[in-house]
Amino acid sequence: MSLIAIVTQDLFLTAKIEALVRQEGFQARRVLPQALALLDEHPAALVLDLGLSAEARMGVVAWASDRMPVVAFGAHVDRDALAWARQADLHAVLTKGQLEARLGRAIRAAVDGTGA
């Protein structure tokens, strides 16, 4: 079973995202941005919380680079972070309100290498 790393500091959202990831048949694990390099298993994809600092977001995307797809999510009112994620050409960019309806499909598409 492939691992999906959830990069967030928000414990409330972690439980919700883990459940959505598991519904797609993946393992899920929350990872702090600074701990990505310490993972013992290479994730199949990352789910990135755009609520992290700009520096942390950029570091995560640079770390993932061409190694794995990144699905990002953020508050609908955080237009700057959402715009940054879209410009970074991440696999999918969702608002928090879209998580339940679209996260599972976006992760599956990211891992399968298809469009979100």
C-alpha atoms as a PDB file:
ATOM      1  CA  MET A   1       0.000   0.000   0.000  1.00  0.00           C
ATOM      2  CA  SER A   2       1.489   3.341  -1.079  1.00  0.00           C
ATOM      3  CA  LEU A   3       2.115   6.162   1.360  1.00  0.00           C
ATOM      4  CA  ILE A   4       0.629   9.620   0.948  1.00  0.00           C
ATOM      5  CA  ALA A   5       2.416  12.190   3.123  1.00  0.00           C
ATOM      6  CA  ILE A   6       0.227  14.954   4.507  1.00  0.00           C
ATOM      7  CA  VAL A   7       2.345  18.036   5.107  1.00  0.00           C
ATOM      8  CA  THR A   8       0.497  20.154   7.643  1.00  0.00           C
ATOM      9  CA  GLN A   9       0.612  21.392  11.195  1.00  0.00           C
ATOM     10  CA  ASP A  10      -3.203  21.354  11.484  1.00  0.00           C
ATOM     11  CA  LEU A  11      -4.144  18.327  13.587  1.00  0.00           C
ATOM     12  CA  PHE A  12      -7.880  18.853  13.057  1.00  0.00           C
ATOM     13  CA  LEU A  13      -7.600  18.636   9.282  1.00  0.00           C
ATOM     14  CA  THR A  14      -5.118  15.768   9.483  1.00  0.00           C
ATOM     15  CA  ALA A  15      -7.767  13.296  10.684  1.00  0.00           C
ATOM     16  CA  LYS A  16     -10.168  14.311   7.918  1.00  0.00           C
ATOM     17  CA  ILE A  17      -7.509  14.101   5.208  1.00  0.00           C
ATOM     18  CA  GLU A  18      -6.189  10.767   6.491  1.00  0.00           C
ATOM     19  CA  ALA A  19      -9.701   9.309   6.250  1.00  0.00           C
ATOM     20  CA  LEU A  20     -10.122  10.592   2.680  1.00  0.00           C
ATOM     21  CA  VAL A  21      -6.724   9.201   1.669  1.00  0.00           C
ATOM     22  CA  ARG A  22      -7.470   5.804   3.213  1.00  0.00           C
ATOM     23  CA  GLN A  23     -10.776   5.637   1.324  1.00  0.00           C
ATOM     24  CA  GLU A  24      -8.667   5.602  -1.837  1.00  0.00           C
ATOM     25  CA  GLY A  25      -6.657   2.628  -0.552  1.00  0.00           C
ATOM     26  CA  PHE A  26      -3.501   4.483   0.478  1.00  0.00           C
ATOM     27  CA  GLN A  27      -1.659   4.779   3.767  1.00  0.00           C
ATOM     28  CA  ALA A  28      -1.582   8.281   5.186  1.00  0.00           C
ATOM     29  CA  ARG A  29       0.907   9.924   7.498  1.00  0.00           C
ATOM     30  CA  ARG A  30       1.203  13.509   8.696  1.00  0.00           C
ATOM     31  CA  VAL A  31       4.699  14.893   8.281  1.00  0.00           C
ATOM     32  CA  LEU A  32       6.064  18.265   9.288  1.00  0.00           C
ATOM     33  CA  PRO A  33       7.866  20.072   6.454  1.00  0.00           C
ATOM     34  CA  GLN A  34      11.267  19.785   8.107  1.00  0.00           C
ATOM     35  CA  ALA A  35      10.846  16.016   8.576  1.00  0.00           C
ATOM     36  CA  LEU A  36      10.199  15.056   4.934  1.00  0.00           C
ATOM     37  CA  ALA A  37      13.813  14.094   4.302  1.00  0.00           C
ATOM     38  CA  LEU A  38      13.670  11.733   7.289  1.00  0.00           C
ATOM     39  CA  LEU A  39      10.843   9.560   5.934  1.00  0.00           C
ATOM     40  CA  ASP A  40      11.828   5.911   5.742  1.00  0.00           C
ATOM     41  CA  GLU A  41       9.370   5.294   2.900  1.00  0.00           C
ATOM     42  CA  HIS A  42       9.239   7.320  -0.318  1.00  0.00           C
ATOM     43  CA  PRO A  43       5.697   8.774  -0.569  1.00  0.00           C
ATOM     44  CA  ALA A  44       3.693   8.225  -3.725  1.00  0.00           C
ATOM     45  CA  ALA A  45       2.398  11.810  -3.403  1.00  0.00           C
ATOM     46  CA  LEU A  46       2.215  14.736  -1.012  1.00  0.00           C
ATOM     47  CA  VAL A  47      -0.832  16.603   0.242  1.00  0.00           C
ATOM     48  CA  LEU A  48       0.372  20.123   1.068  1.00  0.00           C
ATOM     49  CA  ASP A  49      -1.387  22.543   3.390  1.00  0.00           C
ATOM     50  CA  LEU A  50      -1.057  26.028   1.921  1.00  0.00           C
ATOM     51  CA  GLY A  51      -1.611  27.414   5.405  1.00  0.00           C
ATOM     52  CA  LEU A  52       2.061  26.750   6.104  1.00  0.00           C
ATOM     53  CA  SER A  53       4.488  29.636   5.811  1.00  0.00           C
ATOM     54  CA  ALA A  54       5.591  30.630   2.319  1.00  0.00           C
ATOM     55  CA  GLU A  55       9.104  29.436   3.147  1.00  0.00           C
ATOM     56  CA  ALA A  56       7.831  26.017   4.267  1.00  0.00           C
ATOM     57  CA  ARG A  57       5.612  25.653   1.170  1.00  0.00           C
ATOM     58  CA  MET A  58       8.481  26.479  -1.162  1.00  0.00           C
ATOM     59  CA  GLY A  59      10.751  24.043   0.649  1.00  0.00           C
ATOM     60  CA  VAL A  60       8.218  21.217   0.371  1.00  0.00           C
ATOM     61  CA  VAL A  61       7.652  21.802  -3.344  1.00  0.00           C
ATOM     62  CA  ALA A  62      11.402  21.994  -3.964  1.00  0.00           C
ATOM     63  CA  TRP A  63      11.917  18.760  -2.005  1.00  0.00           C
ATOM     64  CA  ALA A  64       9.178  16.965  -3.963  1.00  0.00           C
ATOM     65  CA  SER A  65      10.467  18.411  -7.249  1.00  0.00           C
ATOM     66  CA  ASP A  66      10.217  15.716  -9.907  1.00  0.00           C
ATOM     67  CA  ARG A  67      10.115  12.889  -7.356  1.00  0.00           C
ATOM     68  CA  MET A  68       6.399  12.938  -6.654  1.00  0.00           C
ATOM     69  CA  PRO A  69       3.192  14.833  -7.376  1.00  0.00           C
ATOM     70  CA  VAL A  70       1.870  17.420  -4.938  1.00  0.00           C
ATOM     71  CA  VAL A  71      -1.811  18.070  -4.253  1.00  0.00           C
ATOM     72  CA  ALA A  72      -2.262  21.340  -2.357  1.00  0.00           C
ATOM     73  CA  PHE A  73      -5.173  22.769  -0.415  1.00  0.00           C
ATOM     74  CA  GLY A  74      -5.846  26.068   1.273  1.00  0.00           C
ATOM     75  CA  ALA A  75      -8.460  28.425   2.560  1.00  0.00           C
ATOM     76  CA  HIS A  76     -10.591  29.944  -0.190  1.00  0.00           C
ATOM     77  CA  VAL A  77      -9.829  33.399   1.206  1.00  0.00           C
ATOM     78  CA  ASP A  78      -6.061  32.881   0.935  1.00  0.00           C
ATOM     79  CA  ARG A  79      -5.938  33.906  -2.695  1.00  0.00           C
ATOM     80  CA  ASP A  80      -2.190  34.554  -2.659  1.00  0.00           C
ATOM     81  CA  ALA A  81      -1.347  31.021  -1.503  1.00  0.00           C
ATOM     82  CA  LEU A  82      -3.784  29.443  -3.951  1.00  0.00           C
ATOM     83  CA  ALA A  83      -2.381  31.540  -6.796  1.00  0.00           C
ATOM     84  CA  TRP A  84       1.166  30.603  -5.789  1.00  0.00           C
ATOM     85  CA  ALA A  85       0.245  26.898  -5.843  1.00  0.00           C
ATOM     86  CA  ARG A  86      -1.347  27.193  -9.275  1.00  0.00           C
ATOM     87  CA  GLN A  87       1.708  29.003 -10.615  1.00  0.00           C
ATOM     88  CA  ALA A  88       3.938  26.312  -9.105  1.00  0.00           C
ATOM     89  CA  ASP A  89       2.168  23.863 -11.454  1.00  0.00           C
ATOM     90  CA  LEU A  90       1.229  21.415  -8.717  1.00  0.00           C
ATOM     91  CA  HIS A  91      -0.840  18.393  -9.665  1.00  0.00           C
ATOM     92  CA  ALA A  92      -4.017  19.805  -8.117  1.00  0.00           C
ATOM     93  CA  VAL A  93      -4.957  22.851  -6.047  1.00  0.00           C
ATOM     94  CA  LEU A  94      -8.103  22.655  -3.927  1.00  0.00           C
ATOM     95  CA  THR A  95      -9.815  24.822  -1.368  1.00  0.00           C
ATOM     96  CA  LYS A  96     -10.578  23.353   2.042  1.00  0.00           C
ATOM     97  CA  GLY A  97     -14.234  23.314   1.012  1.00  0.00           C
ATOM     98  CA  GLN A  98     -13.407  21.025  -1.914  1.00  0.00           C
ATOM     99  CA  LEU A  99     -11.494  18.437   0.120  1.00  0.00           C
ATOM    100  CA  GLU A 100     -14.314  15.975   0.728  1.00  0.00           C
ATOM    101  CA  ALA A 101     -15.600  16.061  -2.839  1.00  0.00           C
ATOM    102  CA  ARG A 102     -12.313  16.149  -4.727  1.00  0.00           C
ATOM    103  CA  LEU A 103      -9.267  15.150  -2.661  1.00  0.00           C
ATOM    104  CA  GLY A 104      -9.596  11.391  -3.169  1.00  0.00           C
ATOM    105  CA  ARG A 105      -9.938  11.747  -6.932  1.00  0.00           C
ATOM    106  CA  ALA A 106      -7.050  14.249  -7.073  1.00  0.00           C
ATOM    107  CA  ILE A 107      -4.727  11.934  -5.146  1.00  0.00           C
ATOM    108  CA  ARG A 108      -5.686   8.929  -7.260  1.00  0.00           C
ATOM    109  CA  ALA A 109      -5.059  10.927 -10.446  1.00  0.00           C
ATOM    110  CA  ALA A 110      -1.737  12.219  -9.072  1.00  0.00           C
ATOM    111  CA  VAL A 111      -0.492   8.731  -8.232  1.00  0.00           C
ATOM    112  CA  ASP A 112      -1.786   7.276 -11.502  1.00  0.00           C
ATOM    113  CA  GLY A 113      -0.202  10.127 -13.482  1.00  0.00           C
ATOM    114  CA  THR A 114      -3.427  11.393 -14.985  1.00  0.00           C
ATOM    115  CA  GLY A 115      -5.187  14.765 -14.753  1.00  0.00           C
ATOM    116  CA  ALA A 116      -7.013  15.697 -11.557  1.00  0.00           C
END
